PDB file of N, CA and C in Angstrom:
ATOM      1  N   UNK A   1      -4.998   6.274 -63.180  1.00  0.00           N
ATOM      2  CA  UNK A   1      -6.057   7.242 -63.332  1.00  0.00           C
ATOM      3  C   UNK A   1      -7.313   6.711 -62.644  1.00  0.00           C
ATOM      4  N   UNK A   2      -7.977   7.570 -61.864  1.00  0.00           N
ATOM      5  CA  UNK A   2      -9.225   7.201 -61.202  1.00  0.00           C
ATOM      6  C   UNK A   2     -10.400   7.464 -62.120  1.00  0.00           C
ATOM      7  N   UNK A   3     -11.432   6.653 -61.972  1.00  0.00           N
ATOM      8  CA  UNK A   3     -12.669   6.864 -62.705  1.00  0.00           C
ATOM      9  C   UNK A   3     -13.651   7.546 -61.769  1.00  0.00           C
ATOM     10  N   UNK A   4     -14.573   8.270 -62.340  1.00  0.00           N
ATOM     11  CA  UNK A   4     -15.588   8.942 -61.548  1.00  0.00           C
ATOM     12  C   UNK A   4     -16.343   7.957 -60.667  1.00  0.00           C
ATOM     13  N   UNK A   5     -16.651   6.802 -61.199  1.00  0.00           N
ATOM     14  CA  UNK A   5     -17.390   5.799 -60.429  1.00  0.00           C
ATOM     15  C   UNK A   5     -16.594   5.297 -59.225  1.00  0.00           C
ATOM     16  N   UNK A   6     -15.269   5.480 -59.229  1.00  0.00           N
ATOM     17  CA  UNK A   6     -14.442   5.063 -58.094  1.00  0.00           C
ATOM     18  C   UNK A   6     -14.699   5.904 -56.845  1.00  0.00           C
ATOM     19  N   UNK A   7     -15.262   7.104 -57.002  1.00  0.00           N
ATOM     20  CA  UNK A   7     -15.502   7.984 -55.862  1.00  0.00           C
ATOM     21  C   UNK A   7     -16.694   7.531 -55.019  1.00  0.00           C
ATOM     22  N   UNK A   8     -17.694   6.949 -55.656  1.00  0.00           N
ATOM     23  CA  UNK A   8     -18.922   6.579 -54.960  1.00  0.00           C
ATOM     24  C   UNK A   8     -18.656   5.536 -53.873  1.00  0.00           C
ATOM     25  N   UNK A   9     -19.203   5.818 -52.691  1.00  0.00           N
ATOM     26  CA  UNK A   9     -19.074   4.891 -51.578  1.00  0.00           C
ATOM     27  C   UNK A   9     -17.780   5.029 -50.785  1.00  0.00           C
ATOM     28  N   UNK A  10     -16.863   5.880 -51.233  1.00  0.00           N
ATOM     29  CA  UNK A  10     -15.605   6.075 -50.484  1.00  0.00           C
ATOM     30  C   UNK A  10     -15.877   6.922 -49.246  1.00  0.00           C
ATOM     31  N   UNK A  11     -15.212   6.568 -48.164  1.00  0.00           N
ATOM     32  CA  UNK A  11     -15.310   7.355 -46.930  1.00  0.00           C
ATOM     33  C   UNK A  11     -14.493   8.625 -47.089  1.00  0.00           C
ATOM     34  N   UNK A  12     -15.003   9.721 -46.542  1.00  0.00           N
ATOM     35  CA  UNK A  12     -14.346  11.031 -46.635  1.00  0.00           C
ATOM     36  C   UNK A  12     -13.825  11.415 -45.252  1.00  0.00           C
ATOM     37  N   UNK A  13     -12.534  11.794 -45.215  1.00  0.00           N
ATOM     38  CA  UNK A  13     -11.892  12.224 -43.971  1.00  0.00           C
ATOM     39  C   UNK A  13     -11.178  13.550 -44.209  1.00  0.00           C
ATOM     40  N   UNK A  14     -11.019  14.322 -43.128  1.00  0.00           N
ATOM     41  CA  UNK A  14     -10.191  15.522 -43.194  1.00  0.00           C
ATOM     42  C   UNK A  14      -8.732  15.100 -43.026  1.00  0.00           C
ATOM     43  N   UNK A  15      -7.821  16.043 -43.233  1.00  0.00           N
ATOM     44  CA  UNK A  15      -6.396  15.749 -43.096  1.00  0.00           C
ATOM     45  C   UNK A  15      -6.021  15.389 -41.667  1.00  0.00           C
ATOM     46  N   UNK A  16      -6.832  15.801 -40.691  1.00  0.00           N
ATOM     47  CA  UNK A  16      -6.531  15.436 -39.297  1.00  0.00           C
ATOM     48  C   UNK A  16      -7.341  14.212 -38.847  1.00  0.00           C
ATOM     49  N   UNK A  17      -7.785  13.396 -39.814  1.00  0.00           N
ATOM     50  CA  UNK A  17      -8.440  12.100 -39.571  1.00  0.00           C
ATOM     51  C   UNK A  17      -9.862  12.170 -39.037  1.00  0.00           C
ATOM     52  N   UNK A  18     -10.539  13.288 -39.194  1.00  0.00           N
ATOM     53  CA  UNK A  18     -11.931  13.399 -38.778  1.00  0.00           C
ATOM     54  C   UNK A  18     -12.827  12.843 -39.884  1.00  0.00           C
ATOM     55  N   UNK A  19     -13.686  11.910 -39.521  1.00  0.00           N
ATOM     56  CA  UNK A  19     -14.609  11.321 -40.488  1.00  0.00           C
ATOM     57  C   UNK A  19     -15.667  12.348 -40.859  1.00  0.00           C
ATOM     58  N   UNK A  20     -15.900  12.550 -42.147  1.00  0.00           N
ATOM     59  CA  UNK A  20     -16.851  13.542 -42.643  1.00  0.00           C
ATOM     60  C   UNK A  20     -18.123  12.886 -43.166  1.00  0.00           C
ATOM     61  N   UNK A  21     -17.992  11.748 -43.824  1.00  0.00           N
ATOM     62  CA  UNK A  21     -19.152  11.073 -44.399  1.00  0.00           C
ATOM     63  C   UNK A  21     -18.713  10.147 -45.517  1.00  0.00           C
ATOM     64  N   UNK A  22     -19.666   9.771 -46.345  1.00  0.00           N
ATOM     65  CA  UNK A  22     -19.406   8.879 -47.469  1.00  0.00           C
ATOM     66  C   UNK A  22     -19.805   9.585 -48.760  1.00  0.00           C
ATOM     67  N   UNK A  23     -19.006   9.440 -49.793  1.00  0.00           N
ATOM     68  CA  UNK A  23     -19.309  10.053 -51.089  1.00  0.00           C
ATOM     69  C   UNK A  23     -20.493   9.337 -51.725  1.00  0.00           C
ATOM     70  N   UNK A  24     -21.579  10.067 -51.908  1.00  0.00           N
ATOM     71  CA  UNK A  24     -22.800   9.493 -52.475  1.00  0.00           C
ATOM     72  C   UNK A  24     -23.049   9.961 -53.904  1.00  0.00           C
ATOM     73  N   UNK A  25     -22.522  11.151 -54.264  1.00  0.00           N
ATOM     74  CA  UNK A  25     -22.808  11.719 -55.568  1.00  0.00           C
ATOM     75  C   UNK A  25     -21.775  12.799 -55.873  1.00  0.00           C
ATOM     76  N   UNK A  26     -21.756  13.270 -57.101  1.00  0.00           N
ATOM     77  CA  UNK A  26     -20.904  14.386 -57.503  1.00  0.00           C
ATOM     78  C   UNK A  26     -21.719  15.323 -58.380  1.00  0.00           C
ATOM     79  N   UNK A  27     -21.335  16.599 -58.413  1.00  0.00           N
ATOM     80  CA  UNK A  27     -21.907  17.553 -59.350  1.00  0.00           C
ATOM     81  C   UNK A  27     -20.805  17.970 -60.302  1.00  0.00           C
ATOM     82  N   UNK A  28     -21.103  17.913 -61.584  1.00  0.00           N
ATOM     83  CA  UNK A  28     -20.120  18.229 -62.616  1.00  0.00           C
ATOM     84  C   UNK A  28     -20.548  19.486 -63.349  1.00  0.00           C
ATOM     85  N   UNK A  29     -19.597  20.393 -63.593  1.00  0.00           N
ATOM     86  CA  UNK A  29     -19.842  21.576 -64.406  1.00  0.00           C
ATOM     87  C   UNK A  29     -19.729  21.131 -65.861  1.00  0.00           C
ATOM     88  N   UNK A  30     -20.846  21.142 -66.610  1.00  0.00           N
ATOM     89  CA  UNK A  30     -20.801  20.645 -67.980  1.00  0.00           C
ATOM     90  C   UNK A  30     -19.980  21.522 -68.926  1.00  0.00           C
ATOM     91  N   UNK A  31     -19.853  22.797 -68.617  1.00  0.00           N
ATOM     92  CA  UNK A  31     -19.073  23.697 -69.471  1.00  0.00           C
ATOM     93  C   UNK A  31     -17.587  23.404 -69.326  1.00  0.00           C
ATOM     94  N   UNK A  32     -17.119  23.295 -68.078  1.00  0.00           N
ATOM     95  CA  UNK A  32     -15.707  23.023 -67.823  1.00  0.00           C
ATOM     96  C   UNK A  32     -15.374  21.536 -67.917  1.00  0.00           C
ATOM     97  N   UNK A  33     -16.390  20.689 -67.738  1.00  0.00           N
ATOM     98  CA  UNK A  33     -16.152  19.252 -67.737  1.00  0.00           C
ATOM     99  C   UNK A  33     -15.392  18.796 -66.511  1.00  0.00           C
ATOM    100  N   UNK A  34     -15.564  19.503 -65.394  1.00  0.00           N
ATOM    101  CA  UNK A  34     -14.860  19.174 -64.158  1.00  0.00           C
ATOM    102  C   UNK A  34     -15.844  18.943 -63.026  1.00  0.00           C
ATOM    103  N   UNK A  35     -15.405  18.138 -62.051  1.00  0.00           N
ATOM    104  CA  UNK A  35     -16.210  17.928 -60.851  1.00  0.00           C
ATOM    105  C   UNK A  35     -16.171  19.210 -60.033  1.00  0.00           C
ATOM    106  N   UNK A  36     -17.341  19.714 -59.636  1.00  0.00           N
ATOM    107  CA  UNK A  36     -17.420  20.919 -58.817  1.00  0.00           C
ATOM    108  C   UNK A  36     -17.618  20.577 -57.344  1.00  0.00           C
ATOM    109  N   UNK A  37     -18.448  19.579 -57.060  1.00  0.00           N
ATOM    110  CA  UNK A  37     -18.764  19.229 -55.679  1.00  0.00           C
ATOM    111  C   UNK A  37     -18.797  17.721 -55.498  1.00  0.00           C
ATOM    112  N   UNK A  38     -18.366  17.308 -54.341  1.00  0.00           N
ATOM    113  CA  UNK A  38     -18.505  15.943 -53.860  1.00  0.00           C
ATOM    114  C   UNK A  38     -19.663  15.997 -52.865  1.00  0.00           C
ATOM    115  N   UNK A  39     -20.636  15.121 -53.001  1.00  0.00           N
ATOM    116  CA  UNK A  39     -21.828  15.172 -52.156  1.00  0.00           C
ATOM    117  C   UNK A  39     -21.881  14.007 -51.183  1.00  0.00           C
ATOM    118  N   UNK A  40     -22.275  14.327 -49.948  1.00  0.00           N
ATOM    119  CA  UNK A  40     -22.459  13.298 -48.928  1.00  0.00           C
ATOM    120  C   UNK A  40     -23.854  12.689 -48.995  1.00  0.00           C
ATOM    121  N   UNK A  41     -24.751  13.314 -49.743  1.00  0.00           N
ATOM    122  CA  UNK A  41     -26.100  12.801 -49.986  1.00  0.00           C
ATOM    123  C   UNK A  41     -26.383  12.940 -51.472  1.00  0.00           C
ATOM    124  N   UNK A  42     -27.293  12.131 -51.995  1.00  0.00           N
ATOM    125  CA  UNK A  42     -27.653  12.234 -53.401  1.00  0.00           C
ATOM    126  C   UNK A  42     -28.250  13.604 -53.678  1.00  0.00           C
ATOM    127  N   UNK A  43     -27.977  14.142 -54.856  1.00  0.00           N
ATOM    128  CA  UNK A  43     -28.463  15.475 -55.231  1.00  0.00           C
ATOM    129  C   UNK A  43     -29.991  15.536 -55.210  1.00  0.00           C
ATOM    130  N   UNK A  44     -30.660  14.427 -55.512  1.00  0.00           N
ATOM    131  CA  UNK A  44     -32.120  14.407 -55.514  1.00  0.00           C
ATOM    132  C   UNK A  44     -32.695  14.710 -54.133  1.00  0.00           C
ATOM    133  N   UNK A  45     -31.909  14.514 -53.085  1.00  0.00           N
ATOM    134  CA  UNK A  45     -32.364  14.800 -51.726  1.00  0.00           C
ATOM    135  C   UNK A  45     -32.648  16.278 -51.529  1.00  0.00           C
ATOM    136  N   UNK A  46     -32.167  17.113 -52.430  1.00  0.00           N
ATOM    137  CA  UNK A  46     -32.350  18.558 -52.347  1.00  0.00           C
ATOM    138  C   UNK A  46     -33.721  18.988 -52.856  1.00  0.00           C
ATOM    139  N   UNK A  47     -34.317  18.197 -53.728  1.00  0.00           N
ATOM    140  CA  UNK A  47     -35.594  18.561 -54.348  1.00  0.00           C
ATOM    141  C   UNK A  47     -36.715  18.650 -53.325  1.00  0.00           C
ATOM    142  N   UNK A  48     -37.576  19.656 -53.492  1.00  0.00           N
ATOM    143  CA  UNK A  48     -38.746  19.809 -52.638  1.00  0.00           C
ATOM    144  C   UNK A  48     -38.485  20.432 -51.282  1.00  0.00           C
ATOM    145  N   UNK A  49     -37.287  20.913 -51.052  1.00  0.00           N
ATOM    146  CA  UNK A  49     -36.978  21.529 -49.758  1.00  0.00           C
ATOM    147  C   UNK A  49     -37.250  23.029 -49.808  1.00  0.00           C
ATOM    148  N   UNK A  50     -37.600  23.584 -48.663  1.00  0.00           N
ATOM    149  CA  UNK A  50     -37.761  25.032 -48.551  1.00  0.00           C
ATOM    150  C   UNK A  50     -36.394  25.694 -48.724  1.00  0.00           C
ATOM    151  N   UNK A  51     -36.383  26.974 -49.070  1.00  0.00           N
ATOM    152  CA  UNK A  51     -35.137  27.684 -49.379  1.00  0.00           C
ATOM    153  C   UNK A  51     -34.124  27.617 -48.235  1.00  0.00           C
ATOM    154  N   UNK A  52     -34.538  27.909 -47.026  1.00  0.00           N
ATOM    155  CA  UNK A  52     -33.630  27.895 -45.874  1.00  0.00           C
ATOM    156  C   UNK A  52     -33.120  26.479 -45.596  1.00  0.00           C
ATOM    157  N   UNK A  53     -34.002  25.512 -45.683  1.00  0.00           N
ATOM    158  CA  UNK A  53     -33.625  24.115 -45.474  1.00  0.00           C
ATOM    159  C   UNK A  53     -32.669  23.641 -46.575  1.00  0.00           C
ATOM    160  N   UNK A  54     -32.911  24.092 -47.816  1.00  0.00           N
ATOM    161  CA  UNK A  54     -32.038  23.726 -48.943  1.00  0.00           C
ATOM    162  C   UNK A  54     -30.639  24.301 -48.744  1.00  0.00           C
ATOM    163  N   UNK A  55     -30.549  25.538 -48.283  1.00  0.00           N
ATOM    164  CA  UNK A  55     -29.232  26.149 -48.029  1.00  0.00           C
ATOM    165  C   UNK A  55     -28.459  25.371 -46.974  1.00  0.00           C
ATOM    166  N   UNK A  56     -29.142  24.969 -45.908  1.00  0.00           N
ATOM    167  CA  UNK A  56     -28.487  24.187 -44.861  1.00  0.00           C
ATOM    168  C   UNK A  56     -28.044  22.832 -45.411  1.00  0.00           C
ATOM    169  N   UNK A  57     -28.890  22.199 -46.222  1.00  0.00           N
ATOM    170  CA  UNK A  57     -28.546  20.914 -46.833  1.00  0.00           C
ATOM    171  C   UNK A  57     -27.286  21.053 -47.684  1.00  0.00           C
ATOM    172  N   UNK A  58     -27.219  22.104 -48.490  1.00  0.00           N
ATOM    173  CA  UNK A  58     -26.054  22.328 -49.343  1.00  0.00           C
ATOM    174  C   UNK A  58     -24.807  22.549 -48.493  1.00  0.00           C
ATOM    175  N   UNK A  59     -24.912  23.392 -47.476  1.00  0.00           N
ATOM    176  CA  UNK A  59     -23.772  23.675 -46.598  1.00  0.00           C
ATOM    177  C   UNK A  59     -23.271  22.403 -45.904  1.00  0.00           C
ATOM    178  N   UNK A  60     -24.200  21.556 -45.482  1.00  0.00           N
ATOM    179  CA  UNK A  60     -23.843  20.342 -44.746  1.00  0.00           C
ATOM    180  C   UNK A  60     -23.358  19.192 -45.638  1.00  0.00           C
ATOM    181  N   UNK A  61     -23.782  19.175 -46.905  1.00  0.00           N
ATOM    182  CA  UNK A  61     -23.549  17.996 -47.727  1.00  0.00           C
ATOM    183  C   UNK A  61     -22.720  18.201 -48.990  1.00  0.00           C
ATOM    184  N   UNK A  62     -22.501  19.430 -49.418  1.00  0.00           N
ATOM    185  CA  UNK A  62     -21.731  19.695 -50.634  1.00  0.00           C
ATOM    186  C   UNK A  62     -20.307  20.090 -50.253  1.00  0.00           C
ATOM    187  N   UNK A  63     -19.341  19.348 -50.722  1.00  0.00           N
ATOM    188  CA  UNK A  63     -17.932  19.632 -50.452  1.00  0.00           C
ATOM    189  C   UNK A  63     -17.292  20.100 -51.757  1.00  0.00           C
ATOM    190  N   UNK A  64     -16.809  21.360 -51.808  1.00  0.00           N
ATOM    191  CA  UNK A  64     -16.148  21.817 -53.034  1.00  0.00           C
ATOM    192  C   UNK A  64     -14.998  20.878 -53.394  1.00  0.00           C
ATOM    193  N   UNK A  65     -14.955  20.463 -54.654  1.00  0.00           N
ATOM    194  CA  UNK A  65     -13.968  19.457 -55.057  1.00  0.00           C
ATOM    195  C   UNK A  65     -12.537  19.967 -54.936  1.00  0.00           C
ATOM    196  N   UNK A  66     -12.338  21.289 -54.964  1.00  0.00           N
ATOM    197  CA  UNK A  66     -10.969  21.800 -54.800  1.00  0.00           C
ATOM    198  C   UNK A  66     -10.422  21.517 -53.399  1.00  0.00           C
ATOM    199  N   UNK A  67     -11.279  21.132 -52.465  1.00  0.00           N
ATOM    200  CA  UNK A  67     -10.820  20.755 -51.124  1.00  0.00           C
ATOM    201  C   UNK A  67     -10.266  19.340 -51.077  1.00  0.00           C
ATOM    202  N   UNK A  68     -10.508  18.549 -52.120  1.00  0.00           N
ATOM    203  CA  UNK A  68     -10.018  17.165 -52.154  1.00  0.00           C
ATOM    204  C   UNK A  68      -8.509  17.175 -52.334  1.00  0.00           C
ATOM    205  N   UNK A  69      -7.815  16.513 -51.411  1.00  0.00           N
ATOM    206  CA  UNK A  69      -6.358  16.441 -51.424  1.00  0.00           C
ATOM    207  C   UNK A  69      -5.890  15.132 -52.051  1.00  0.00           C
ATOM    208  N   UNK A  70      -6.591  14.041 -51.735  1.00  0.00           N
ATOM    209  CA  UNK A  70      -6.161  12.728 -52.225  1.00  0.00           C
ATOM    210  C   UNK A  70      -7.362  11.795 -52.340  1.00  0.00           C
ATOM    211  N   UNK A  71      -7.278  10.900 -53.325  1.00  0.00           N
ATOM    212  CA  UNK A  71      -8.286   9.860 -53.499  1.00  0.00           C
ATOM    213  C   UNK A  71      -7.556   8.532 -53.584  1.00  0.00           C
ATOM    214  N   UNK A  72      -7.904   7.633 -52.698  1.00  0.00           N
ATOM    215  CA  UNK A  72      -7.328   6.297 -52.689  1.00  0.00           C
ATOM    216  C   UNK A  72      -8.405   5.368 -52.150  1.00  0.00           C
ATOM    217  N   UNK A  73      -8.082   4.586 -51.142  1.00  0.00           N
ATOM    218  CA  UNK A  73      -9.106   3.765 -50.498  1.00  0.00           C
ATOM    219  C   UNK A  73     -10.113   4.642 -49.789  1.00  0.00           C
ATOM    220  N   UNK A  74      -9.691   5.852 -49.413  1.00  0.00           N
ATOM    221  CA  UNK A  74     -10.557   6.871 -48.817  1.00  0.00           C
ATOM    222  C   UNK A  74     -10.315   8.181 -49.566  1.00  0.00           C
ATOM    223  N   UNK A  75     -11.149   9.175 -49.276  1.00  0.00           N
ATOM    224  CA  UNK A  75     -10.966  10.511 -49.839  1.00  0.00           C
ATOM    225  C   UNK A  75     -10.535  11.430 -48.703  1.00  0.00           C
ATOM    226  N   UNK A  76      -9.468  12.179 -48.920  1.00  0.00           N
ATOM    227  CA  UNK A  76      -8.979  13.123 -47.909  1.00  0.00           C
ATOM    228  C   UNK A  76      -9.221  14.538 -48.413  1.00  0.00           C
ATOM    229  N   UNK A  77      -9.795  15.385 -47.523  1.00  0.00           N
ATOM    230  CA  UNK A  77     -10.071  16.773 -47.864  1.00  0.00           C
ATOM    231  C   UNK A  77      -9.385  17.723 -46.894  1.00  0.00           C
ATOM    232  N   UNK A  78      -9.199  18.966 -47.332  1.00  0.00           N
ATOM    233  CA  UNK A  78      -8.664  20.022 -46.462  1.00  0.00           C
ATOM    234  C   UNK A  78      -9.760  20.522 -45.558  1.00  0.00           C
TER     235      UNK A  78
END
């Protein structure tokens, strides 16, 4: 079983070996108790941004956790 802390600092790749970034943070849905997003930047980086800039930041840095295929020495996503 993996621990949540095991995700931090892992390199993220697509299934075709394209490097995406490094896991810096996660967002958890407190109602479901599940990870919703894997973040390439800390969530605090979103604070203080204009609406359009915030949307781009989210699009570029938030990876829906359902895209995660495998977690090992690296994280593989669809």
